[in-house]
Amino acid sequence: MASQENNIFNRIRVAVSEAFGTRLFRNHTGMVKDNRGQVHRFGLCKGSSDGIGFTPVTITPEMVGKKVAVFTAIEAKTLKGTATKEQKNFILIVKNLGGFAGVARSDEEANQLISAGIYELKS
């Protein structure tokens, strides 16, 4: 990730932590060849988001009032950056399975993304 995207991600990580208690962990993906030519892949999976973690959500009283951790994935991009096909697919899978996921270009967008997900859970 370019350093500008890295700066955006770091601001997002702090903002969503303060606003929602979200914990995001940096997820580098890719591959390298060692000096013997063997390929080593790292990261969650191809297309997985820059930030992987969870957001605590309190279940409504009729659901016993316990908290659950909702899987959260945020792909940080610059204003001109675009998500790859694999990244869009990963985000769609997470959202379809009840997690919070999306592309954010600022900490404000990341907060809106999680807020919208919490609202959807409550309705």
PDB file of N, CA and C in Angstrom:
ATOM      1  N   MET A   1       0.859  -1.170   0.000  1.00  0.00           N
ATOM      2  CA  MET A   1       0.000   0.000   0.000  1.00  0.00           C
ATOM      3  C   MET A   1       0.897   1.222   0.000  1.00  0.00           C
ATOM      4  N   ALA A   2       0.552   2.201  -0.791  1.00  0.00           N
ATOM      5  CA  ALA A   2       1.319   3.436  -0.845  1.00  0.00           C
ATOM      6  C   ALA A   2       1.281   4.119   0.513  1.00  0.00           C
ATOM      7  N   SER A   3       2.298   4.944   0.787  1.00  0.00           N
ATOM      8  CA  SER A   3       2.360   5.569   2.112  1.00  0.00           C
ATOM      9  C   SER A   3       1.155   6.476   2.362  1.00  0.00           C
ATOM     10  N   GLN A   4       0.597   7.110   1.307  1.00  0.00           N
ATOM     11  CA  GLN A   4      -0.599   7.933   1.499  1.00  0.00           C
ATOM     12  C   GLN A   4      -1.767   7.062   1.968  1.00  0.00           C
ATOM     13  N   GLU A   5      -1.940   5.878   1.370  1.00  0.00           N
ATOM     14  CA  GLU A   5      -2.991   4.961   1.821  1.00  0.00           C
ATOM     15  C   GLU A   5      -2.697   4.462   3.230  1.00  0.00           C
ATOM     16  N   ASN A   6      -1.439   4.255   3.552  1.00  0.00           N
ATOM     17  CA  ASN A   6      -1.068   3.815   4.892  1.00  0.00           C
ATOM     18  C   ASN A   6      -1.447   4.877   5.921  1.00  0.00           C
ATOM     19  N   ASN A   7      -1.226   6.138   5.588  1.00  0.00           N
ATOM     20  CA  ASN A   7      -1.625   7.230   6.486  1.00  0.00           C
ATOM     21  C   ASN A   7      -3.135   7.270   6.656  1.00  0.00           C
ATOM     22  N   ILE A   8      -3.875   7.084   5.562  1.00  0.00           N
ATOM     23  CA  ILE A   8      -5.330   7.044   5.630  1.00  0.00           C
ATOM     24  C   ILE A   8      -5.766   5.898   6.534  1.00  0.00           C
ATOM     25  N   PHE A   9      -5.165   4.711   6.329  1.00  0.00           N
ATOM     26  CA  PHE A   9      -5.526   3.550   7.141  1.00  0.00           C
ATOM     27  C   PHE A   9      -5.275   3.819   8.623  1.00  0.00           C
ATOM     28  N   ASN A  10      -4.143   4.412   8.954  1.00  0.00           N
ATOM     29  CA  ASN A  10      -3.830   4.683  10.360  1.00  0.00           C
ATOM     30  C   ASN A  10      -4.842   5.639  10.982  1.00  0.00           C
ATOM     31  N   ARG A  11      -5.281   6.652  10.245  1.00  0.00           N
ATOM     32  CA  ARG A  11      -6.310   7.567  10.752  1.00  0.00           C
ATOM     33  C   ARG A  11      -7.640   6.834  10.923  1.00  0.00           C
ATOM     34  N   ILE A  12      -7.969   5.968   9.955  1.00  0.00           N
ATOM     35  CA  ILE A  12      -9.198   5.174  10.047  1.00  0.00           C
ATOM     36  C   ILE A  12      -9.163   4.293  11.285  1.00  0.00           C
ATOM     37  N   ARG A  13      -8.055   3.613  11.510  1.00  0.00           N
ATOM     38  CA  ARG A  13      -7.939   2.696  12.651  1.00  0.00           C
ATOM     39  C   ARG A  13      -8.179   3.419  13.971  1.00  0.00           C
ATOM     40  N   VAL A  14      -7.622   4.595  14.130  1.00  0.00           N
ATOM     41  CA  VAL A  14      -7.821   5.361  15.362  1.00  0.00           C
ATOM     42  C   VAL A  14      -9.271   5.837  15.472  1.00  0.00           C
ATOM     43  N   ALA A  15      -9.815   6.362  14.373  1.00  0.00           N
ATOM     44  CA  ALA A  15     -11.166   6.929  14.408  1.00  0.00           C
ATOM     45  C   ALA A  15     -12.223   5.888  14.748  1.00  0.00           C
ATOM     46  N   VAL A  16     -12.179   4.720  14.110  1.00  0.00           N
ATOM     47  CA  VAL A  16     -13.216   3.711  14.376  1.00  0.00           C
ATOM     48  C   VAL A  16     -13.040   3.087  15.750  1.00  0.00           C
ATOM     49  N   SER A  17     -11.822   3.072  16.253  1.00  0.00           N
ATOM     50  CA  SER A  17     -11.588   2.583  17.610  1.00  0.00           C
ATOM     51  C   SER A  17     -12.231   3.524  18.627  1.00  0.00           C
ATOM     52  N   GLU A  18     -12.017   4.813  18.427  1.00  0.00           N
ATOM     53  CA  GLU A  18     -12.589   5.802  19.350  1.00  0.00           C
ATOM     54  C   GLU A  18     -14.111   5.860  19.242  1.00  0.00           C
ATOM     55  N   ALA A  19     -14.651   5.774  18.028  1.00  0.00           N
ATOM     56  CA  ALA A  19     -16.092   5.937  17.819  1.00  0.00           C
ATOM     57  C   ALA A  19     -16.900   4.700  18.180  1.00  0.00           C
ATOM     58  N   PHE A  20     -16.363   3.508  17.884  1.00  0.00           N
ATOM     59  CA  PHE A  20     -17.155   2.288  18.027  1.00  0.00           C
ATOM     60  C   PHE A  20     -16.480   1.177  18.832  1.00  0.00           C
ATOM     61  N   GLY A  21     -15.236   1.376  19.220  1.00  0.00           N
ATOM     62  CA  GLY A  21     -14.505   0.299  19.888  1.00  0.00           C
ATOM     63  C   GLY A  21     -13.994  -0.746  18.913  1.00  0.00           C
ATOM     64  N   THR A  22     -14.036  -0.430  17.618  1.00  0.00           N
ATOM     65  CA  THR A  22     -13.565  -1.355  16.577  1.00  0.00           C
ATOM     66  C   THR A  22     -12.074  -1.592  16.740  1.00  0.00           C
ATOM     67  N   ARG A  23     -11.669  -2.821  16.564  1.00  0.00           N
ATOM     68  CA  ARG A  23     -10.247  -3.178  16.573  1.00  0.00           C
ATOM     69  C   ARG A  23      -9.891  -3.682  15.186  1.00  0.00           C
ATOM     70  N   LEU A  24      -9.050  -2.923  14.484  1.00  0.00           N
ATOM     71  CA  LEU A  24      -8.592  -3.322  13.159  1.00  0.00           C
ATOM     72  C   LEU A  24      -7.117  -3.683  13.226  1.00  0.00           C
ATOM     73  N   PHE A  25      -6.767  -4.736  12.538  1.00  0.00           N
ATOM     74  CA  PHE A  25      -5.388  -5.195  12.476  1.00  0.00           C
ATOM     75  C   PHE A  25      -4.921  -5.087  11.032  1.00  0.00           C
ATOM     76  N   ARG A  26      -3.705  -4.620  10.846  1.00  0.00           N
ATOM     77  CA  ARG A  26      -3.140  -4.443   9.505  1.00  0.00           C
ATOM     78  C   ARG A  26      -2.996  -5.811   8.854  1.00  0.00           C
ATOM     79  N   ASN A  27      -3.482  -5.922   7.640  1.00  0.00           N
ATOM     80  CA  ASN A  27      -3.445  -7.177   6.903  1.00  0.00           C
ATOM     81  C   ASN A  27      -2.693  -6.969   5.594  1.00  0.00           C
ATOM     82  N   HIS A  28      -1.413  -7.299   5.597  1.00  0.00           N
ATOM     83  CA  HIS A  28      -0.624  -7.243   4.370  1.00  0.00           C
ATOM     84  C   HIS A  28      -0.830  -8.551   3.624  1.00  0.00           C
ATOM     85  N   THR A  29      -1.056  -8.472   2.328  1.00  0.00           N
ATOM     86  CA  THR A  29      -1.170  -9.683   1.522  1.00  0.00           C
ATOM     87  C   THR A  29      -0.191  -9.611   0.363  1.00  0.00           C
ATOM     88  N   GLY A  30       0.228 -10.764  -0.069  1.00  0.00           N
ATOM     89  CA  GLY A  30       1.144 -10.815  -1.205  1.00  0.00           C
ATOM     90  C   GLY A  30       1.939 -12.096  -1.218  1.00  0.00           C
ATOM     91  N   MET A  31       3.052 -12.037  -1.918  1.00  0.00           N
ATOM     92  CA  MET A  31       3.944 -13.190  -1.977  1.00  0.00           C
ATOM     93  C   MET A  31       5.368 -12.726  -2.216  1.00  0.00           C
ATOM     94  N   VAL A  32       6.299 -13.546  -1.752  1.00  0.00           N
ATOM     95  CA  VAL A  32       7.719 -13.298  -1.970  1.00  0.00           C
ATOM     96  C   VAL A  32       8.385 -14.620  -2.328  1.00  0.00           C
ATOM     97  N   LYS A  33       9.497 -14.527  -3.033  1.00  0.00           N
ATOM     98  CA  LYS A  33      10.302 -15.709  -3.321  1.00  0.00           C
ATOM     99  C   LYS A  33      11.533 -15.656  -2.434  1.00  0.00           C
ATOM    100  N   ASP A  34      11.858 -16.794  -1.841  1.00  0.00           N
ATOM    101  CA  ASP A  34      13.069 -16.835  -1.029  1.00  0.00           C
ATOM    102  C   ASP A  34      14.278 -17.070  -1.930  1.00  0.00           C
ATOM    103  N   ASN A  35      15.448 -17.152  -1.325  1.00  0.00           N
ATOM    104  CA  ASN A  35      16.670 -17.286  -2.118  1.00  0.00           C
ATOM    105  C   ASN A  35      16.768 -18.626  -2.852  1.00  0.00           C
ATOM    106  N   ARG A  36      15.896 -19.569  -2.551  1.00  0.00           N
ATOM    107  CA  ARG A  36      15.845 -20.847  -3.282  1.00  0.00           C
ATOM    108  C   ARG A  36      14.767 -20.831  -4.362  1.00  0.00           C
ATOM    109  N   GLY A  37      14.056 -19.696  -4.479  1.00  0.00           N
ATOM    110  CA  GLY A  37      13.026 -19.579  -5.495  1.00  0.00           C
ATOM    111  C   GLY A  37      11.653 -20.073  -5.061  1.00  0.00           C
ATOM    112  N   GLN A  38      11.527 -20.481  -3.786  1.00  0.00           N
ATOM    113  CA  GLN A  38      10.231 -20.937  -3.297  1.00  0.00           C
ATOM    114  C   GLN A  38       9.326 -19.743  -3.030  1.00  0.00           C
ATOM    115  N   VAL A  39       8.058 -19.875  -3.404  1.00  0.00           N
ATOM    116  CA  VAL A  39       7.074 -18.817  -3.206  1.00  0.00           C
ATOM    117  C   VAL A  39       6.426 -18.969  -1.836  1.00  0.00           C
ATOM    118  N   HIS A  40       6.348 -17.851  -1.123  1.00  0.00           N
ATOM    119  CA  HIS A  40       5.696 -17.824   0.182  1.00  0.00           C
ATOM    120  C   HIS A  40       4.608 -16.752   0.130  1.00  0.00           C
ATOM    121  N   ARG A  41       3.381 -17.171   0.352  1.00  0.00           N
ATOM    122  CA  ARG A  41       2.249 -16.245   0.342  1.00  0.00           C
ATOM    123  C   ARG A  41       1.946 -15.824   1.786  1.00  0.00           C
ATOM    124  N   PHE A  42       1.490 -14.592   1.938  1.00  0.00           N
ATOM    125  CA  PHE A  42       1.157 -14.099   3.267  1.00  0.00           C
ATOM    126  C   PHE A  42      -0.101 -13.259   3.201  1.00  0.00           C
ATOM    127  N   GLY A  43      -0.718 -13.073   4.353  1.00  0.00           N
ATOM    128  CA  GLY A  43      -1.966 -12.334   4.444  1.00  0.00           C
ATOM    129  C   GLY A  43      -3.148 -13.278   4.496  1.00  0.00           C
ATOM    130  N   LEU A  44      -4.311 -12.709   4.749  1.00  0.00           N
ATOM    131  CA  LEU A  44      -5.521 -13.515   4.908  1.00  0.00           C
ATOM    132  C   LEU A  44      -5.864 -14.248   3.616  1.00  0.00           C
ATOM    133  N   CYS A  45      -6.101 -13.533   2.526  1.00  0.00           N
ATOM    134  CA  CYS A  45      -6.351 -14.119   1.204  1.00  0.00           C
ATOM    135  C   CYS A  45      -6.256 -12.999   0.184  1.00  0.00           C
ATOM    136  N   LYS A  46      -6.103 -13.360  -1.073  1.00  0.00           N
ATOM    137  CA  LYS A  46      -6.028 -12.354  -2.125  1.00  0.00           C
ATOM    138  C   LYS A  46      -7.324 -11.545  -2.121  1.00  0.00           C
ATOM    139  N   GLY A  47      -7.185 -10.234  -2.106  1.00  0.00           N
ATOM    140  CA  GLY A  47      -8.346  -9.360  -2.094  1.00  0.00           C
ATOM    141  C   GLY A  47      -8.831  -8.976  -0.714  1.00  0.00           C
ATOM    142  N   SER A  48      -8.290  -9.602   0.333  1.00  0.00           N
ATOM    143  CA  SER A  48      -8.748  -9.260   1.682  1.00  0.00           C
ATOM    144  C   SER A  48      -8.352  -7.820   2.007  1.00  0.00           C
ATOM    145  N   SER A  49      -9.145  -7.189   2.831  1.00  0.00           N
ATOM    146  CA  SER A  49      -9.016  -5.760   3.116  1.00  0.00           C
ATOM    147  C   SER A  49      -7.769  -5.419   3.914  1.00  0.00           C
ATOM    148  N   ASP A  50      -7.380  -4.130   3.842  1.00  0.00           N
ATOM    149  CA  ASP A  50      -6.211  -3.633   4.571  1.00  0.00           C
ATOM    150  C   ASP A  50      -6.377  -3.807   6.075  1.00  0.00           C
ATOM    151  N   GLY A  51      -7.578  -3.549   6.552  1.00  0.00           N
ATOM    152  CA  GLY A  51      -7.868  -3.667   7.976  1.00  0.00           C
ATOM    153  C   GLY A  51      -8.849  -4.791   8.222  1.00  0.00           C
ATOM    154  N   ILE A  52      -8.464  -5.717   9.073  1.00  0.00           N
ATOM    155  CA  ILE A  52      -9.306  -6.857   9.430  1.00  0.00           C
ATOM    156  C   ILE A  52      -9.466  -6.844  10.938  1.00  0.00           C
ATOM    157  N   GLY A  53     -10.691  -7.013  11.411  1.00  0.00           N
ATOM    158  CA  GLY A  53     -10.888  -7.023  12.851  1.00  0.00           C
ATOM    159  C   GLY A  53     -12.333  -7.244  13.219  1.00  0.00           C
ATOM    160  N   PHE A  54     -12.769  -6.531  14.266  1.00  0.00           N
ATOM    161  CA  PHE A  54     -14.122  -6.726  14.768  1.00  0.00           C
ATOM    162  C   PHE A  54     -14.615  -5.445  15.425  1.00  0.00           C
ATOM    163  N   THR A  55     -15.948  -5.320  15.450  1.00  0.00           N
ATOM    164  CA  THR A  55     -16.620  -4.203  16.101  1.00  0.00           C
ATOM    165  C   THR A  55     -17.563  -4.775  17.146  1.00  0.00           C
ATOM    166  N   PRO A  56     -17.450  -4.353  18.416  1.00  0.00           N
ATOM    167  CA  PRO A  56     -18.373  -4.863  19.429  1.00  0.00           C
ATOM    168  C   PRO A  56     -19.767  -4.265  19.243  1.00  0.00           C
ATOM    169  N   VAL A  57     -20.767  -5.107  19.320  1.00  0.00           N
ATOM    170  CA  VAL A  57     -22.153  -4.673  19.169  1.00  0.00           C
ATOM    171  C   VAL A  57     -22.949  -5.286  20.310  1.00  0.00           C
ATOM    172  N   THR A  58     -23.744  -4.462  20.992  1.00  0.00           N
ATOM    173  CA  THR A  58     -24.592  -4.968  22.056  1.00  0.00           C
ATOM    174  C   THR A  58     -25.889  -5.470  21.445  1.00  0.00           C
ATOM    175  N   ILE A  59     -26.205  -6.705  21.731  1.00  0.00           N
ATOM    176  CA  ILE A  59     -27.436  -7.309  21.230  1.00  0.00           C
ATOM    177  C   ILE A  59     -28.616  -6.703  21.992  1.00  0.00           C
ATOM    178  N   THR A  60     -29.735  -6.566  21.340  1.00  0.00           N
ATOM    179  CA  THR A  60     -30.927  -5.971  21.946  1.00  0.00           C
ATOM    180  C   THR A  60     -31.413  -6.805  23.125  1.00  0.00           C
ATOM    181  N   PRO A  61     -32.200  -6.220  24.023  1.00  0.00           N
ATOM    182  CA  PRO A  61     -32.659  -6.925  25.227  1.00  0.00           C
ATOM    183  C   PRO A  61     -33.335  -8.262  24.926  1.00  0.00           C
ATOM    184  N   GLU A  62     -34.106  -8.296  23.846  1.00  0.00           N
ATOM    185  CA  GLU A  62     -34.745  -9.572  23.535  1.00  0.00           C
ATOM    186  C   GLU A  62     -33.750 -10.633  23.074  1.00  0.00           C
ATOM    187  N   MET A  63     -32.504 -10.230  22.916  1.00  0.00           N
ATOM    188  CA  MET A  63     -31.445 -11.175  22.542  1.00  0.00           C
ATOM    189  C   MET A  63     -30.461 -11.325  23.696  1.00  0.00           C
ATOM    190  N   VAL A  64     -30.908 -11.202  24.900  1.00  0.00           N
ATOM    191  CA  VAL A  64     -30.190 -11.462  26.147  1.00  0.00           C
ATOM    192  C   VAL A  64     -29.241 -10.333  26.567  1.00  0.00           C
ATOM    193  N   GLY A  65     -29.069  -9.278  25.763  1.00  0.00           N
ATOM    194  CA  GLY A  65     -28.253  -8.149  26.160  1.00  0.00           C
ATOM    195  C   GLY A  65     -26.761  -8.393  26.166  1.00  0.00           C
ATOM    196  N   LYS A  66     -26.305  -9.402  25.462  1.00  0.00           N
ATOM    197  CA  LYS A  66     -24.864  -9.669  25.400  1.00  0.00           C
ATOM    198  C   LYS A  66     -24.229  -8.975  24.211  1.00  0.00           C
ATOM    199  N   LYS A  67     -22.920  -8.767  24.294  1.00  0.00           N
ATOM    200  CA  LYS A  67     -22.190  -8.187  23.174  1.00  0.00           C
ATOM    201  C   LYS A  67     -21.670  -9.298  22.272  1.00  0.00           C
ATOM    202  N   VAL A  68     -21.581  -8.974  21.006  1.00  0.00           N
ATOM    203  CA  VAL A  68     -20.955  -9.868  20.042  1.00  0.00           C
ATOM    204  C   VAL A  68     -19.920  -9.061  19.264  1.00  0.00           C
ATOM    205  N   ALA A  69     -18.954  -9.727  18.719  1.00  0.00           N
ATOM    206  CA  ALA A  69     -17.951  -9.071  17.891  1.00  0.00           C
ATOM    207  C   ALA A  69     -18.327  -9.309  16.436  1.00  0.00           C
ATOM    208  N   VAL A  70     -18.595  -8.232  15.712  1.00  0.00           N
ATOM    209  CA  VAL A  70     -18.973  -8.338  14.311  1.00  0.00           C
ATOM    210  C   VAL A  70     -17.713  -8.175  13.461  1.00  0.00           C
ATOM    211  N   PHE A  71     -17.460  -9.152  12.588  1.00  0.00           N
ATOM    212  CA  PHE A  71     -16.289  -9.107  11.715  1.00  0.00           C
ATOM    213  C   PHE A  71     -16.315  -7.816  10.912  1.00  0.00           C
ATOM    214  N   THR A  72     -15.189  -7.119  10.864  1.00  0.00           N
ATOM    215  CA  THR A  72     -15.092  -5.828  10.200  1.00  0.00           C
ATOM    216  C   THR A  72     -13.887  -5.816   9.273  1.00  0.00           C
ATOM    217  N   ALA A  73     -14.105  -5.358   8.028  1.00  0.00           N
ATOM    218  CA  ALA A  73     -13.021  -5.285   7.041  1.00  0.00           C
ATOM    219  C   ALA A  73     -13.114  -3.951   6.319  1.00  0.00           C
ATOM    220  N   ILE A  74     -12.039  -3.171   6.382  1.00  0.00           N
ATOM    221  CA  ILE A  74     -12.032  -1.857   5.726  1.00  0.00           C
ATOM    222  C   ILE A  74     -10.842  -1.792   4.776  1.00  0.00           C
ATOM    223  N   GLU A  75     -11.136  -1.473   3.528  1.00  0.00           N
ATOM    224  CA  GLU A  75     -10.117  -1.287   2.499  1.00  0.00           C
ATOM    225  C   GLU A  75      -9.836   0.206   2.391  1.00  0.00           C
ATOM    226  N   ALA A  76      -8.627   0.640   2.733  1.00  0.00           N
ATOM    227  CA  ALA A  76      -8.259   2.060   2.680  1.00  0.00           C
ATOM    228  C   ALA A  76      -7.790   2.415   1.275  1.00  0.00           C
ATOM    229  N   LYS A  77      -8.312   3.508   0.751  1.00  0.00           N
ATOM    230  CA  LYS A  77      -7.932   3.981  -0.580  1.00  0.00           C
ATOM    231  C   LYS A  77      -7.754   5.490  -0.558  1.00  0.00           C
ATOM    232  N   THR A  78      -6.925   5.974  -1.481  1.00  0.00           N
ATOM    233  CA  THR A  78      -6.809   7.414  -1.688  1.00  0.00           C
ATOM    234  C   THR A  78      -8.050   7.871  -2.442  1.00  0.00           C
ATOM    235  N   LEU A  79      -8.194   9.171  -2.641  1.00  0.00           N
ATOM    236  CA  LEU A  79      -9.354   9.692  -3.368  1.00  0.00           C
ATOM    237  C   LEU A  79      -9.442   9.119  -4.779  1.00  0.00           C
ATOM    238  N   LYS A  80      -8.306   8.851  -5.396  1.00  0.00           N
ATOM    239  CA  LYS A  80      -8.294   8.320  -6.764  1.00  0.00           C
ATOM    240  C   LYS A  80      -8.169   6.803  -6.799  1.00  0.00           C
ATOM    241  N   GLY A  81      -7.905   6.192  -5.662  1.00  0.00           N
ATOM    242  CA  GLY A  81      -7.692   4.741  -5.627  1.00  0.00           C
ATOM    243  C   GLY A  81      -8.984   3.967  -5.875  1.00  0.00           C
ATOM    244  N   THR A  82      -8.865   2.818  -6.513  1.00  0.00           N
ATOM    245  CA  THR A  82     -10.029   1.969  -6.759  1.00  0.00           C
ATOM    246  C   THR A  82      -9.753   0.561  -6.241  1.00  0.00           C
ATOM    247  N   ALA A  83     -10.786  -0.075  -5.749  1.00  0.00           N
ATOM    248  CA  ALA A  83     -10.665  -1.445  -5.248  1.00  0.00           C
ATOM    249  C   ALA A  83     -10.561  -2.405  -6.427  1.00  0.00           C
ATOM    250  N   THR A  84      -9.777  -3.448  -6.244  1.00  0.00           N
ATOM    251  CA  THR A  84      -9.660  -4.476  -7.275  1.00  0.00           C
ATOM    252  C   THR A  84     -10.910  -5.356  -7.262  1.00  0.00           C
ATOM    253  N   LYS A  85     -11.053  -6.159  -8.287  1.00  0.00           N
ATOM    254  CA  LYS A  85     -12.171  -7.090  -8.360  1.00  0.00           C
ATOM    255  C   LYS A  85     -12.166  -8.008  -7.135  1.00  0.00           C
ATOM    256  N   GLU A  86     -10.993  -8.507  -6.758  1.00  0.00           N
ATOM    257  CA  GLU A  86     -10.879  -9.398  -5.600  1.00  0.00           C
ATOM    258  C   GLU A  86     -11.263  -8.686  -4.312  1.00  0.00           C
ATOM    259  N   GLN A  87     -10.852  -7.424  -4.166  1.00  0.00           N
ATOM    260  CA  GLN A  87     -11.194  -6.656  -2.966  1.00  0.00           C
ATOM    261  C   GLN A  87     -12.699  -6.414  -2.888  1.00  0.00           C
ATOM    262  N   LYS A  88     -13.317  -6.071  -4.010  1.00  0.00           N
ATOM    263  CA  LYS A  88     -14.769  -5.876  -4.039  1.00  0.00           C
ATOM    264  C   LYS A  88     -15.494  -7.166  -3.679  1.00  0.00           C
ATOM    265  N   ASN A  89     -15.014  -8.289  -4.186  1.00  0.00           N
ATOM    266  CA  ASN A  89     -15.626  -9.580  -3.883  1.00  0.00           C
ATOM    267  C   ASN A  89     -15.506  -9.912  -2.400  1.00  0.00           C
ATOM    268  N   PHE A  90     -14.339  -9.675  -1.806  1.00  0.00           N
ATOM    269  CA  PHE A  90     -14.132  -9.932  -0.384  1.00  0.00           C
ATOM    270  C   PHE A  90     -15.109  -9.096   0.450  1.00  0.00           C
ATOM    271  N   ILE A  91     -15.229  -7.811   0.111  1.00  0.00           N
ATOM    272  CA  ILE A  91     -16.139  -6.917   0.825  1.00  0.00           C
ATOM    273  C   ILE A  91     -17.573  -7.411   0.713  1.00  0.00           C
ATOM    274  N   LEU A  92     -17.982  -7.821  -0.473  1.00  0.00           N
ATOM    275  CA  LEU A  92     -19.339  -8.318  -0.693  1.00  0.00           C
ATOM    276  C   LEU A  92     -19.614  -9.572   0.143  1.00  0.00           C
ATOM    277  N   ILE A  93     -18.662 -10.480   0.193  1.00  0.00           N
ATOM    278  CA  ILE A  93     -18.828 -11.703   0.991  1.00  0.00           C
ATOM    279  C   ILE A  93     -19.002 -11.356   2.466  1.00  0.00           C
ATOM    280  N   VAL A  94     -18.141 -10.478   2.989  1.00  0.00           N
ATOM    281  CA  VAL A  94     -18.234 -10.093   4.403  1.00  0.00           C
ATOM    282  C   VAL A  94     -19.599  -9.469   4.696  1.00  0.00           C
ATOM    283  N   LYS A  95     -20.048  -8.544   3.834  1.00  0.00           N
ATOM    284  CA  LYS A  95     -21.339  -7.890   4.052  1.00  0.00           C
ATOM    285  C   LYS A  95     -22.495  -8.883   3.956  1.00  0.00           C
ATOM    286  N   ASN A  96     -22.441  -9.777   2.981  1.00  0.00           N
ATOM    287  CA  ASN A  96     -23.512 -10.767   2.820  1.00  0.00           C
ATOM    288  C   ASN A  96     -23.612 -11.724   3.997  1.00  0.00           C
ATOM    289  N   LEU A  97     -22.520 -11.913   4.713  1.00  0.00           N
ATOM    290  CA  LEU A  97     -22.517 -12.805   5.871  1.00  0.00           C
ATOM    291  C   LEU A  97     -22.730 -12.052   7.185  1.00  0.00           C
ATOM    292  N   GLY A  98     -23.090 -10.765   7.106  1.00  0.00           N
ATOM    293  CA  GLY A  98     -23.444 -10.013   8.306  1.00  0.00           C
ATOM    294  C   GLY A  98     -22.350  -9.157   8.899  1.00  0.00           C
ATOM    295  N   GLY A  99     -21.194  -9.097   8.256  1.00  0.00           N
ATOM    296  CA  GLY A  99     -20.110  -8.272   8.768  1.00  0.00           C
ATOM    297  C   GLY A  99     -20.205  -6.840   8.263  1.00  0.00           C
ATOM    298  N   PHE A 100     -19.338  -6.001   8.768  1.00  0.00           N
ATOM    299  CA  PHE A 100     -19.221  -4.616   8.321  1.00  0.00           C
ATOM    300  C   PHE A 100     -18.024  -4.559   7.381  1.00  0.00           C
ATOM    301  N   ALA A 101     -18.212  -4.045   6.167  1.00  0.00           N
ATOM    302  CA  ALA A 101     -17.103  -4.002   5.219  1.00  0.00           C
ATOM    303  C   ALA A 101     -17.339  -2.926   4.176  1.00  0.00           C
ATOM    304  N   GLY A 102     -16.241  -2.398   3.659  1.00  0.00           N
ATOM    305  CA  GLY A 102     -16.341  -1.420   2.586  1.00  0.00           C
ATOM    306  C   GLY A 102     -15.019  -0.733   2.338  1.00  0.00           C
ATOM    307  N   VAL A 103     -15.041   0.168   1.368  1.00  0.00           N
ATOM    308  CA  VAL A 103     -13.888   0.987   1.023  1.00  0.00           C
ATOM    309  C   VAL A 103     -14.054   2.327   1.722  1.00  0.00           C
ATOM    310  N   ALA A 104     -12.991   2.821   2.328  1.00  0.00           N
ATOM    311  CA  ALA A 104     -13.026   4.133   2.985  1.00  0.00           C
ATOM    312  C   ALA A 104     -11.828   4.947   2.531  1.00  0.00           C
ATOM    313  N   ARG A 105     -12.093   6.215   2.253  1.00  0.00           N
ATOM    314  CA  ARG A 105     -11.045   7.134   1.831  1.00  0.00           C
ATOM    315  C   ARG A 105     -10.683   8.126   2.930  1.00  0.00           C
ATOM    316  N   SER A 106     -11.374   7.997   4.056  1.00  0.00           N
ATOM    317  CA  SER A 106     -11.104   8.886   5.193  1.00  0.00           C
ATOM    318  C   SER A 106     -11.645   8.226   6.448  1.00  0.00           C
ATOM    319  N   ASP A 107     -11.274   8.790   7.596  1.00  0.00           N
ATOM    320  CA  ASP A 107     -11.805   8.275   8.852  1.00  0.00           C
ATOM    321  C   ASP A 107     -13.309   8.527   8.943  1.00  0.00           C
ATOM    322  N   GLU A 108     -13.783   9.629   8.363  1.00  0.00           N
ATOM    323  CA  GLU A 108     -15.224   9.903   8.372  1.00  0.00           C
ATOM    324  C   GLU A 108     -15.988   8.825   7.599  1.00  0.00           C
ATOM    325  N   GLU A 109     -15.486   8.444   6.425  1.00  0.00           N
ATOM    326  CA  GLU A 109     -16.143   7.394   5.637  1.00  0.00           C
ATOM    327  C   GLU A 109     -16.144   6.064   6.383  1.00  0.00           C
ATOM    328  N   ALA A 110     -15.051   5.768   7.081  1.00  0.00           N
ATOM    329  CA  ALA A 110     -14.979   4.518   7.847  1.00  0.00           C
ATOM    330  C   ALA A 110     -16.010   4.524   8.974  1.00  0.00           C
ATOM    331  N   ASN A 111     -16.143   5.654   9.662  1.00  0.00           N
ATOM    332  CA  ASN A 111     -17.151   5.765  10.724  1.00  0.00           C
ATOM    333  C   ASN A 111     -18.563   5.584  10.159  1.00  0.00           C
ATOM    334  N   GLN A 112     -18.846   6.185   9.006  1.00  0.00           N
ATOM    335  CA  GLN A 112     -20.160   6.040   8.369  1.00  0.00           C
ATOM    336  C   GLN A 112     -20.429   4.594   7.990  1.00  0.00           C
ATOM    337  N   LEU A 113     -19.418   3.911   7.501  1.00  0.00           N
ATOM    338  CA  LEU A 113     -19.547   2.513   7.094  1.00  0.00           C
ATOM    339  C   LEU A 113     -19.957   1.638   8.284  1.00  0.00           C
ATOM    340  N   ILE A 114     -19.296   1.816   9.410  1.00  0.00           N
ATOM    341  CA  ILE A 114     -19.618   1.009  10.594  1.00  0.00           C
ATOM    342  C   ILE A 114     -20.962   1.426  11.176  1.00  0.00           C
ATOM    343  N   SER A 115     -21.233   2.727  11.222  1.00  0.00           N
ATOM    344  CA  SER A 115     -22.510   3.203  11.738  1.00  0.00           C
ATOM    345  C   SER A 115     -23.680   2.627  10.931  1.00  0.00           C
ATOM    346  N   ALA A 116     -23.549   2.599   9.625  1.00  0.00           N
ATOM    347  CA  ALA A 116     -24.596   2.055   8.759  1.00  0.00           C
ATOM    348  C   ALA A 116     -24.798   0.561   9.046  1.00  0.00           C
ATOM    349  N   GLY A 117     -23.697  -0.145   9.276  1.00  0.00           N
ATOM    350  CA  GLY A 117     -23.809  -1.570   9.594  1.00  0.00           C
ATOM    351  C   GLY A 117     -24.513  -1.818  10.914  1.00  0.00           C
ATOM    352  N   ILE A 118     -24.231  -0.997  11.912  1.00  0.00           N
ATOM    353  CA  ILE A 118     -24.883  -1.129  13.217  1.00  0.00           C
ATOM    354  C   ILE A 118     -26.371  -0.829  13.065  1.00  0.00           C
ATOM    355  N   TYR A 119     -26.699   0.210  12.280  1.00  0.00           N
ATOM    356  CA  TYR A 119     -28.103   0.547  12.063  1.00  0.00           C
ATOM    357  C   TYR A 119     -28.853  -0.619  11.400  1.00  0.00           C
ATOM    358  N   GLU A 120     -28.222  -1.254  10.406  1.00  0.00           N
ATOM    359  CA  GLU A 120     -28.839  -2.389   9.717  1.00  0.00           C
ATOM    360  C   GLU A 120     -29.079  -3.547  10.684  1.00  0.00           C
ATOM    361  N   LEU A 121     -28.172  -3.771  11.629  1.00  0.00           N
ATOM    362  CA  LEU A 121     -28.355  -4.843  12.601  1.00  0.00           C
ATOM    363  C   LEU A 121     -29.563  -4.579  13.495  1.00  0.00           C
ATOM    364  N   LYS A 122     -29.773  -3.310  13.835  1.00  0.00           N
ATOM    365  CA  LYS A 122     -30.856  -2.960  14.757  1.00  0.00           C
ATOM    366  C   LYS A 122     -32.227  -2.939  14.089  1.00  0.00           C
ATOM    367  N   SER A 123     -32.250  -2.791  12.749  1.00  0.00           N
ATOM    368  CA  SER A 123     -33.566  -2.713  12.094  1.00  0.00           C
ATOM    369  C   SER A 123     -34.027  -4.041  11.557  1.00  0.00           C
TER     370      SER A 123
END
